Amino acid sequence: MALDLDSVVGLATLVALVGGLGGAYLQLRESERRRRDAQATEAVRSIQNEEAFAASRLLSALPEGLTAHEIESRGPEVLGAARRMEMVGETLGYLVYSRVVPLAVVDEMAGGSIRACWRTLRRYAGEVREREGIPNSFEWFQWLADRLEENPVAWKRQGAHVAHREWRP
């Protein structure tokens, strides 16, 4: 079967069009991935500051499961740390739920702090919900802590310094 010039040109045009569309699709996907990664990084960075680190350190040093009275009676510094970590947990939890930030990214960057602070604040959060009649207080913080417990990043048990020691640039 012999192809005439019009058929060859038509076939070449079709191949070029499909190739161009395929390339454009791949570029679009890569651009979307970069945008999503930048959004996730910026979202996490926006709440990782000295106040959040100080609040996390303070709460992590306290016993687990403190009551509302025990948290509140420790003074404004502890109460402020509890409220600061509530804001961090709520923000990160919602960003994970909305799929702006992947759960693994939160676990890798702040999972230990989130877990530790939630263990300290779990009872406090429940009592605050009941006392204030606001069932959605700490809702995304609790949701996030539960998801982190259910889906831990495996290498975190060892720490990055051990799990990724073979990494090379």
N, C-alpha and C. Protein backbone atom coordinates (compact mmCIF):
# COMPACT_ATOMS: atom_id res chain seq x y z
N MET A 1 0.85 -1.17 0.00
CA MET A 1 0.00 0.00 0.00
C MET A 1 0.90 1.24 0.00
N ALA A 2 0.79 2.02 -0.98
CA ALA A 2 1.60 3.22 -1.13
C ALA A 2 0.88 4.41 -0.54
N LEU A 3 1.64 5.21 0.19
CA LEU A 3 1.06 6.41 0.79
C LEU A 3 1.38 7.59 -0.12
N ASP A 4 0.39 8.40 -0.34
CA ASP A 4 0.65 9.60 -1.12
C ASP A 4 1.16 10.70 -0.18
N LEU A 5 1.61 11.78 -0.74
CA LEU A 5 2.20 12.88 0.03
C LEU A 5 1.22 13.45 1.04
N ASP A 6 -0.04 13.60 0.69
CA ASP A 6 -1.04 14.14 1.61
C ASP A 6 -1.22 13.23 2.83
N SER A 7 -1.18 11.94 2.61
CA SER A 7 -1.33 10.99 3.73
C SER A 7 -0.13 11.05 4.66
N VAL A 8 1.06 11.15 4.10
CA VAL A 8 2.28 11.25 4.91
C VAL A 8 2.26 12.54 5.74
N VAL A 9 1.90 13.65 5.10
CA VAL A 9 1.82 14.93 5.80
C VAL A 9 0.76 14.87 6.89
N GLY A 10 -0.39 14.28 6.61
CA GLY A 10 -1.46 14.15 7.60
C GLY A 10 -1.02 13.30 8.79
N LEU A 11 -0.34 12.19 8.49
CA LEU A 11 0.15 11.32 9.56
C LEU A 11 1.21 12.03 10.41
N ALA A 12 2.12 12.74 9.77
CA ALA A 12 3.15 13.49 10.49
C ALA A 12 2.52 14.57 11.37
N THR A 13 1.50 15.22 10.84
CA THR A 13 0.80 16.25 11.61
C THR A 13 0.12 15.64 12.83
N LEU A 14 -0.50 14.50 12.64
CA LEU A 14 -1.17 13.82 13.75
C LEU A 14 -0.16 13.39 14.83
N VAL A 15 0.95 12.83 14.41
CA VAL A 15 1.99 12.41 15.37
C VAL A 15 2.52 13.63 16.13
N ALA A 16 2.77 14.72 15.43
CA ALA A 16 3.27 15.95 16.07
C ALA A 16 2.24 16.50 17.05
N LEU A 17 0.98 16.46 16.67
CA LEU A 17 -0.07 16.97 17.54
C LEU A 17 -0.19 16.12 18.81
N VAL A 18 -0.21 14.80 18.66
CA VAL A 18 -0.30 13.92 19.82
C VAL A 18 0.93 14.08 20.70
N GLY A 19 2.10 14.16 20.09
CA GLY A 19 3.33 14.36 20.86
C GLY A 19 3.31 15.69 21.61
N GLY A 20 2.86 16.72 20.94
CA GLY A 20 2.78 18.05 21.58
C GLY A 20 1.80 18.05 22.74
N LEU A 21 0.64 17.42 22.54
CA LEU A 21 -0.34 17.34 23.63
C LEU A 21 0.20 16.53 24.81
N GLY A 22 0.89 15.45 24.49
CA GLY A 22 1.49 14.63 25.56
C GLY A 22 2.53 15.41 26.34
N GLY A 23 3.37 16.14 25.62
CA GLY A 23 4.39 16.95 26.29
C GLY A 23 3.76 18.05 27.14
N ALA A 24 2.73 18.69 26.61
CA ALA A 24 2.04 19.74 27.37
C ALA A 24 1.40 19.17 28.63
N TYR A 25 0.82 17.98 28.51
CA TYR A 25 0.21 17.33 29.68
C TYR A 25 1.26 17.05 30.75
N LEU A 26 2.42 16.52 30.33
CA LEU A 26 3.48 16.23 31.30
C LEU A 26 3.99 17.50 31.97
N GLN A 27 4.13 18.56 31.20
CA GLN A 27 4.56 19.85 31.77
C GLN A 27 3.53 20.38 32.75
N LEU A 28 2.27 20.25 32.41
CA LEU A 28 1.21 20.70 33.30
C LEU A 28 1.22 19.93 34.61
N ARG A 29 1.38 18.62 34.54
CA ARG A 29 1.45 17.80 35.76
C ARG A 29 2.66 18.17 36.62
N GLU A 30 3.80 18.39 36.00
CA GLU A 30 5.00 18.77 36.73
C GLU A 30 4.82 20.14 37.38
N SER A 31 4.23 21.06 36.65
CA SER A 31 3.97 22.39 37.19
C SER A 31 3.02 22.31 38.39
N GLU A 32 1.98 21.49 38.28
CA GLU A 32 1.03 21.31 39.38
C GLU A 32 1.72 20.70 40.59
N ARG A 33 2.60 19.71 40.37
CA ARG A 33 3.33 19.08 41.48
C ARG A 33 4.22 20.11 42.18
N ARG A 34 4.92 20.92 41.40
CA ARG A 34 5.78 21.95 42.00
C ARG A 34 4.97 22.97 42.78
N ARG A 35 3.82 23.36 42.24
CA ARG A 35 2.96 24.32 42.93
C ARG A 35 2.45 23.73 44.24
N ARG A 36 2.02 22.48 44.20
CA ARG A 36 1.51 21.82 45.41
C ARG A 36 2.61 21.67 46.46
N ASP A 37 3.82 21.30 46.02
CA ASP A 37 4.94 21.18 46.95
C ASP A 37 5.29 22.52 47.58
N ALA A 38 5.27 23.57 46.77
CA ALA A 38 5.57 24.91 47.29
C ALA A 38 4.50 25.35 48.28
N GLN A 39 3.24 25.06 47.97
CA GLN A 39 2.14 25.39 48.88
C GLN A 39 2.31 24.65 50.20
N ALA A 40 2.61 23.38 50.13
CA ALA A 40 2.76 22.57 51.34
C ALA A 40 3.91 23.09 52.19
N THR A 41 5.03 23.37 51.55
CA THR A 41 6.19 23.88 52.29
C THR A 41 5.87 25.21 52.94
N GLU A 42 5.24 26.10 52.21
CA GLU A 42 4.91 27.42 52.76
C GLU A 42 3.89 27.32 53.89
N ALA A 43 2.92 26.43 53.74
CA ALA A 43 1.92 26.26 54.80
C ALA A 43 2.56 25.77 56.08
N VAL A 44 3.43 24.78 55.98
CA VAL A 44 4.09 24.25 57.17
C VAL A 44 5.04 25.31 57.75
N ARG A 45 5.79 25.97 56.89
CA ARG A 45 6.73 26.99 57.36
C ARG A 45 6.02 28.14 58.08
N SER A 46 4.82 28.47 57.62
CA SER A 46 4.11 29.61 58.19
C SER A 46 3.73 29.39 59.65
N ILE A 47 3.63 28.15 60.08
CA ILE A 47 3.29 27.90 61.49
C ILE A 47 4.47 27.35 62.28
N GLN A 48 5.57 27.09 61.61
CA GLN A 48 6.76 26.66 62.33
C GLN A 48 7.61 27.88 62.62
N ASN A 49 7.44 28.40 63.81
CA ASN A 49 8.21 29.56 64.22
C ASN A 49 8.64 29.35 65.68
N GLU A 50 9.34 30.30 66.22
CA GLU A 50 9.88 30.14 67.57
C GLU A 50 8.77 29.97 68.61
N GLU A 51 7.66 30.69 68.43
CA GLU A 51 6.55 30.54 69.39
C GLU A 51 6.01 29.11 69.39
N ALA A 52 5.85 28.54 68.20
CA ALA A 52 5.34 27.17 68.10
C ALA A 52 6.35 26.18 68.68
N PHE A 53 7.62 26.38 68.38
CA PHE A 53 8.65 25.48 68.94
C PHE A 53 8.69 25.58 70.46
N ALA A 54 8.62 26.79 70.98
CA ALA A 54 8.64 26.96 72.44
C ALA A 54 7.41 26.31 73.08
N ALA A 55 6.25 26.50 72.47
CA ALA A 55 5.02 25.89 73.00
C ALA A 55 5.12 24.37 72.96
N SER A 56 5.63 23.84 71.88
CA SER A 56 5.79 22.39 71.75
C SER A 56 6.76 21.84 72.81
N ARG A 57 7.88 22.50 72.98
CA ARG A 57 8.85 22.05 73.99
C ARG A 57 8.25 22.08 75.39
N LEU A 58 7.55 23.15 75.70
CA LEU A 58 6.94 23.29 77.02
C LEU A 58 5.91 22.20 77.27
N LEU A 59 5.01 21.99 76.32
CA LEU A 59 3.95 21.00 76.50
C LEU A 59 4.50 19.57 76.50
N SER A 60 5.50 19.33 75.68
CA SER A 60 6.08 17.98 75.61
C SER A 60 6.75 17.57 76.91
N ALA A 61 7.18 18.55 77.68
CA ALA A 61 7.84 18.26 78.96
C ALA A 61 6.85 17.99 80.08
N LEU A 62 5.58 18.26 79.85
CA LEU A 62 4.55 18.06 80.88
C LEU A 62 4.04 16.62 80.85
N PRO A 63 3.43 16.18 81.95
CA PRO A 63 2.85 14.83 81.96
C PRO A 63 1.70 14.72 80.95
N GLU A 64 1.49 13.52 80.46
CA GLU A 64 0.40 13.28 79.53
C GLU A 64 -0.94 13.33 80.25
N GLY A 65 -1.97 13.75 79.52
CA GLY A 65 -3.34 13.69 80.02
C GLY A 65 -3.69 14.64 81.14
N LEU A 66 -3.12 15.83 81.13
CA LEU A 66 -3.45 16.80 82.17
C LEU A 66 -4.90 17.28 82.02
N THR A 67 -5.54 17.54 83.13
CA THR A 67 -6.91 18.06 83.11
C THR A 67 -6.89 19.53 82.74
N ALA A 68 -8.07 20.06 82.45
CA ALA A 68 -8.18 21.49 82.16
C ALA A 68 -7.71 22.31 83.36
N HIS A 69 -8.11 21.89 84.55
CA HIS A 69 -7.69 22.61 85.76
C HIS A 69 -6.16 22.58 85.90
N GLU A 70 -5.56 21.44 85.65
CA GLU A 70 -4.10 21.33 85.78
C GLU A 70 -3.37 22.21 84.75
N ILE A 71 -3.87 22.25 83.53
CA ILE A 71 -3.26 23.12 82.51
C ILE A 71 -3.42 24.58 82.90
N GLU A 72 -4.64 24.96 83.26
CA GLU A 72 -4.94 26.36 83.56
C GLU A 72 -4.25 26.84 84.83
N SER A 73 -4.07 25.96 85.80
CA SER A 73 -3.45 26.37 87.06
C SER A 73 -1.93 26.50 86.95
N ARG A 74 -1.35 26.07 85.85
CA ARG A 74 0.09 26.19 85.66
C ARG A 74 0.49 27.57 85.14
N GLY A 75 -0.49 28.42 84.94
CA GLY A 75 -0.20 29.80 84.58
C GLY A 75 -0.37 30.11 83.11
N PRO A 76 -0.24 31.40 82.79
CA PRO A 76 -0.50 31.86 81.43
C PRO A 76 0.48 31.31 80.40
N GLU A 77 1.69 30.99 80.81
CA GLU A 77 2.65 30.47 79.84
C GLU A 77 2.21 29.10 79.32
N VAL A 78 1.76 28.23 80.23
CA VAL A 78 1.31 26.89 79.82
C VAL A 78 -0.01 26.99 79.07
N LEU A 79 -0.93 27.80 79.56
CA LEU A 79 -2.20 27.96 78.87
C LEU A 79 -1.99 28.55 77.48
N GLY A 80 -1.10 29.52 77.36
CA GLY A 80 -0.77 30.10 76.06
C GLY A 80 -0.15 29.07 75.13
N ALA A 81 0.70 28.21 75.67
CA ALA A 81 1.30 27.15 74.86
C ALA A 81 0.24 26.17 74.37
N ALA A 82 -0.72 25.86 75.24
CA ALA A 82 -1.81 24.96 74.84
C ALA A 82 -2.62 25.58 73.71
N ARG A 83 -2.93 26.85 73.82
CA ARG A 83 -3.71 27.53 72.78
C ARG A 83 -2.90 27.69 71.50
N ARG A 84 -1.60 27.93 71.62
CA ARG A 84 -0.74 28.05 70.43
C ARG A 84 -0.69 26.71 69.69
N MET A 85 -0.52 25.61 70.43
CA MET A 85 -0.47 24.31 69.78
C MET A 85 -1.84 23.89 69.25
N GLU A 86 -2.89 24.36 69.88
CA GLU A 86 -4.23 24.13 69.34
C GLU A 86 -4.31 24.75 67.94
N MET A 87 -3.84 25.98 67.80
CA MET A 87 -3.87 26.66 66.52
C MET A 87 -3.01 25.94 65.49
N VAL A 88 -1.83 25.51 65.89
CA VAL A 88 -0.95 24.78 64.98
C VAL A 88 -1.60 23.47 64.54
N GLY A 89 -2.12 22.71 65.51
CA GLY A 89 -2.76 21.44 65.20
C GLY A 89 -3.99 21.60 64.33
N GLU A 90 -4.79 22.61 64.63
CA GLU A 90 -5.99 22.87 63.83
C GLU A 90 -5.62 23.23 62.40
N THR A 91 -4.63 24.08 62.24
CA THR A 91 -4.22 24.52 60.91
C THR A 91 -3.65 23.36 60.11
N LEU A 92 -2.69 22.65 60.69
CA LEU A 92 -2.08 21.53 59.98
C LEU A 92 -3.09 20.43 59.69
N GLY A 93 -3.95 20.15 60.65
CA GLY A 93 -4.96 19.12 60.44
C GLY A 93 -5.86 19.43 59.27
N TYR A 94 -6.32 20.67 59.20
CA TYR A 94 -7.18 21.03 58.09
C TYR A 94 -6.43 21.03 56.76
N LEU A 95 -5.18 21.48 56.77
CA LEU A 95 -4.39 21.47 55.53
C LEU A 95 -4.16 20.05 55.03
N VAL A 96 -3.95 19.12 55.94
CA VAL A 96 -3.81 17.71 55.54
C VAL A 96 -5.14 17.20 55.01
N TYR A 97 -6.22 17.44 55.74
CA TYR A 97 -7.54 16.99 55.31
C TYR A 97 -7.88 17.52 53.92
N SER A 98 -7.54 18.77 53.66
CA SER A 98 -7.83 19.42 52.38
C SER A 98 -6.86 18.99 51.28
N ARG A 99 -5.89 18.18 51.64
CA ARG A 99 -4.87 17.68 50.72
C ARG A 99 -3.97 18.78 50.16
N VAL A 100 -3.83 19.85 50.93
CA VAL A 100 -2.87 20.89 50.57
C VAL A 100 -1.48 20.44 51.00
N VAL A 101 -1.41 19.81 52.16
CA VAL A 101 -0.15 19.29 52.70
C VAL A 101 -0.31 17.78 52.90
N PRO A 102 0.58 16.99 52.33
CA PRO A 102 0.49 15.54 52.55
C PRO A 102 0.76 15.17 54.02
N LEU A 103 0.04 14.17 54.50
CA LEU A 103 0.22 13.71 55.87
C LEU A 103 1.68 13.34 56.15
N ALA A 104 2.33 12.69 55.19
CA ALA A 104 3.73 12.29 55.38
C ALA A 104 4.64 13.50 55.59
N VAL A 105 4.36 14.60 54.92
CA VAL A 105 5.18 15.82 55.09
C VAL A 105 5.02 16.34 56.52
N VAL A 106 3.79 16.37 57.01
CA VAL A 106 3.57 16.83 58.39
C VAL A 106 4.27 15.89 59.36
N ASP A 107 4.16 14.59 59.13
CA ASP A 107 4.80 13.63 60.03
C ASP A 107 6.32 13.81 60.01
N GLU A 108 6.89 13.99 58.83
CA GLU A 108 8.33 14.14 58.73
C GLU A 108 8.82 15.44 59.38
N MET A 109 8.04 16.51 59.27
CA MET A 109 8.48 17.81 59.76
C MET A 109 8.06 18.10 61.19
N ALA A 110 6.90 17.59 61.62
CA ALA A 110 6.39 17.98 62.94
C ALA A 110 5.60 16.88 63.63
N GLY A 111 5.63 15.67 63.11
CA GLY A 111 4.81 14.60 63.66
C GLY A 111 5.06 14.28 65.12
N GLY A 112 6.32 14.25 65.50
CA GLY A 112 6.65 13.95 66.90
C GLY A 112 6.09 15.00 67.85
N SER A 113 6.22 16.25 67.48
CA SER A 113 5.70 17.34 68.30
C SER A 113 4.19 17.30 68.39
N ILE A 114 3.55 17.05 67.26
CA ILE A 114 2.08 16.99 67.25
C ILE A 114 1.61 15.86 68.16
N ARG A 115 2.22 14.69 68.02
CA ARG A 115 1.82 13.54 68.85
C ARG A 115 2.03 13.83 70.34
N ALA A 116 3.20 14.33 70.67
CA ALA A 116 3.52 14.59 72.08
C ALA A 116 2.59 15.63 72.68
N CYS A 117 2.34 16.70 71.95
CA CYS A 117 1.46 17.75 72.48
C CYS A 117 0.03 17.24 72.60
N TRP A 118 -0.42 16.44 71.65
CA TRP A 118 -1.78 15.92 71.74
C TRP A 118 -1.92 15.00 72.95
N ARG A 119 -0.91 14.18 73.22
CA ARG A 119 -0.99 13.30 74.41
C ARG A 119 -1.12 14.13 75.69
N THR A 120 -0.43 15.27 75.72
CA THR A 120 -0.53 16.14 76.88
C THR A 120 -1.90 16.82 76.95
N LEU A 121 -2.43 17.22 75.80
CA LEU A 121 -3.64 18.05 75.76
C LEU A 121 -4.94 17.29 75.52
N ARG A 122 -4.89 16.01 75.29
CA ARG A 122 -6.10 15.24 74.94
C ARG A 122 -7.22 15.42 75.97
N ARG A 123 -6.90 15.21 77.22
CA ARG A 123 -7.92 15.32 78.27
C ARG A 123 -8.40 16.77 78.41
N TYR A 124 -7.45 17.69 78.37
CA TYR A 124 -7.76 19.11 78.43
C TYR A 124 -8.74 19.48 77.32
N ALA A 125 -8.46 19.02 76.09
CA ALA A 125 -9.32 19.35 74.95
C ALA A 125 -10.74 18.84 75.17
N GLY A 126 -10.87 17.62 75.66
CA GLY A 126 -12.19 17.07 75.92
C GLY A 126 -12.96 17.85 76.97
N GLU A 127 -12.27 18.25 78.02
CA GLU A 127 -12.92 19.02 79.07
C GLU A 127 -13.30 20.42 78.60
N VAL A 128 -12.46 21.02 77.78
CA VAL A 128 -12.77 22.35 77.23
C VAL A 128 -13.98 22.26 76.32
N ARG A 129 -14.04 21.22 75.50
CA ARG A 129 -15.20 21.04 74.62
C ARG A 129 -16.49 20.96 75.43
N GLU A 130 -16.43 20.17 76.48
CA GLU A 130 -17.64 19.97 77.30
C GLU A 130 -17.98 21.23 78.08
N ARG A 131 -17.01 21.83 78.71
CA ARG A 131 -17.24 23.01 79.55
C ARG A 131 -17.77 24.18 78.73
N GLU A 132 -17.19 24.40 77.55
CA GLU A 132 -17.57 25.54 76.73
C GLU A 132 -18.71 25.22 75.78
N GLY A 133 -19.09 23.96 75.71
CA GLY A 133 -20.18 23.57 74.81
C GLY A 133 -19.83 23.73 73.34
N ILE A 134 -18.56 23.59 73.03
CA ILE A 134 -18.10 23.73 71.64
C ILE A 134 -17.45 22.41 71.23
N PRO A 135 -18.23 21.53 70.63
CA PRO A 135 -17.69 20.21 70.30
C PRO A 135 -16.60 20.21 69.24
N ASN A 136 -16.44 21.31 68.52
CA ASN A 136 -15.40 21.31 67.49
C ASN A 136 -14.10 21.98 67.94
N SER A 137 -13.95 22.29 69.22
CA SER A 137 -12.66 22.75 69.72
C SER A 137 -11.65 21.62 69.56
N PHE A 138 -10.48 21.93 69.08
CA PHE A 138 -9.40 20.96 68.90
C PHE A 138 -9.75 19.86 67.88
N GLU A 139 -10.80 20.06 67.09
CA GLU A 139 -11.26 18.98 66.20
C GLU A 139 -10.22 18.55 65.17
N TRP A 140 -9.57 19.51 64.48
CA TRP A 140 -8.59 19.14 63.46
C TRP A 140 -7.29 18.70 64.09
N PHE A 141 -6.97 19.20 65.26
CA PHE A 141 -5.79 18.77 66.00
C PHE A 141 -5.95 17.28 66.34
N GLN A 142 -7.09 16.92 66.90
CA GLN A 142 -7.33 15.52 67.25
C GLN A 142 -7.35 14.65 65.98
N TRP A 143 -8.01 15.13 64.95
CA TRP A 143 -8.07 14.38 63.70
C TRP A 143 -6.66 14.11 63.18
N LEU A 144 -5.82 15.15 63.20
CA LEU A 144 -4.44 15.01 62.72
C LEU A 144 -3.65 14.02 63.58
N ALA A 145 -3.75 14.16 64.90
CA ALA A 145 -3.03 13.24 65.79
C ALA A 145 -3.47 11.80 65.55
N ASP A 146 -4.76 11.59 65.36
CA ASP A 146 -5.26 10.23 65.09
C ASP A 146 -4.71 9.70 63.77
N ARG A 147 -4.68 10.53 62.72
CA ARG A 147 -4.16 10.08 61.42
C ARG A 147 -2.67 9.79 61.51
N LEU A 148 -1.94 10.60 62.26
CA LEU A 148 -0.50 10.35 62.43
C LEU A 148 -0.25 9.02 63.14
N GLU A 149 -1.07 8.72 64.13
CA GLU A 149 -0.92 7.44 64.84
C GLU A 149 -1.24 6.27 63.93
N GLU A 150 -2.25 6.43 63.08
CA GLU A 150 -2.68 5.35 62.18
C GLU A 150 -1.72 5.15 61.01
N ASN A 151 -1.04 6.20 60.59
CA ASN A 151 -0.22 6.16 59.36
C ASN A 151 1.17 6.74 59.59
N PRO A 152 1.94 6.18 60.51
CA PRO A 152 3.25 6.78 60.77
C PRO A 152 4.23 6.56 59.62
N VAL A 153 5.08 7.53 59.39
CA VAL A 153 6.17 7.37 58.43
C VAL A 153 7.16 6.39 59.07
N ALA A 154 7.43 5.30 58.36
CA ALA A 154 8.20 4.19 58.93
C ALA A 154 9.58 4.59 59.43
N TRP A 155 10.30 5.41 58.68
CA TRP A 155 11.66 5.71 59.07
C TRP A 155 11.77 6.58 60.31
N LYS A 156 10.66 7.20 60.74
CA LYS A 156 10.71 8.10 61.89
C LYS A 156 11.13 7.38 63.17
N ARG A 157 10.89 6.07 63.25
CA ARG A 157 11.29 5.34 64.47
C ARG A 157 12.81 5.39 64.68
N GLN A 158 13.55 5.44 63.58
CA GLN A 158 15.00 5.47 63.65
C GLN A 158 15.54 6.88 63.71
N GLY A 159 14.85 7.79 63.08
CA GLY A 159 15.35 9.15 62.92
C GLY A 159 16.02 9.28 61.56
N ALA A 160 15.95 10.46 61.00
CA ALA A 160 16.49 10.72 59.67
C ALA A 160 17.99 10.46 59.62
N HIS A 161 18.68 10.77 60.71
CA HIS A 161 20.14 10.61 60.73
C HIS A 161 20.55 9.15 60.56
N VAL A 162 19.70 8.21 60.93
CA VAL A 162 19.98 6.79 60.75
C VAL A 162 19.34 6.28 59.46
N ALA A 163 18.06 6.54 59.29
CA ALA A 163 17.32 6.00 58.16
C ALA A 163 17.85 6.49 56.81
N HIS A 164 18.37 7.68 56.76
CA HIS A 164 18.81 8.25 55.49
C HIS A 164 20.32 8.48 55.44
N ARG A 165 21.07 7.75 56.21
CA ARG A 165 22.53 7.97 56.26
C ARG A 165 23.21 7.63 54.94
N GLU A 166 22.59 6.82 54.08
CA GLU A 166 23.17 6.45 52.79
C GLU A 166 22.86 7.49 51.70
N TRP A 167 22.07 8.49 52.00
CA TRP A 167 21.68 9.47 51.01
C TRP A 167 22.89 10.24 50.49
N ARG A 168 22.90 10.48 49.20
CA ARG A 168 23.99 11.24 48.58
C ARG A 168 23.37 12.26 47.63
N PRO A 169 23.97 13.44 47.52
CA PRO A 169 23.46 14.46 46.60
C PRO A 169 23.70 14.08 45.14
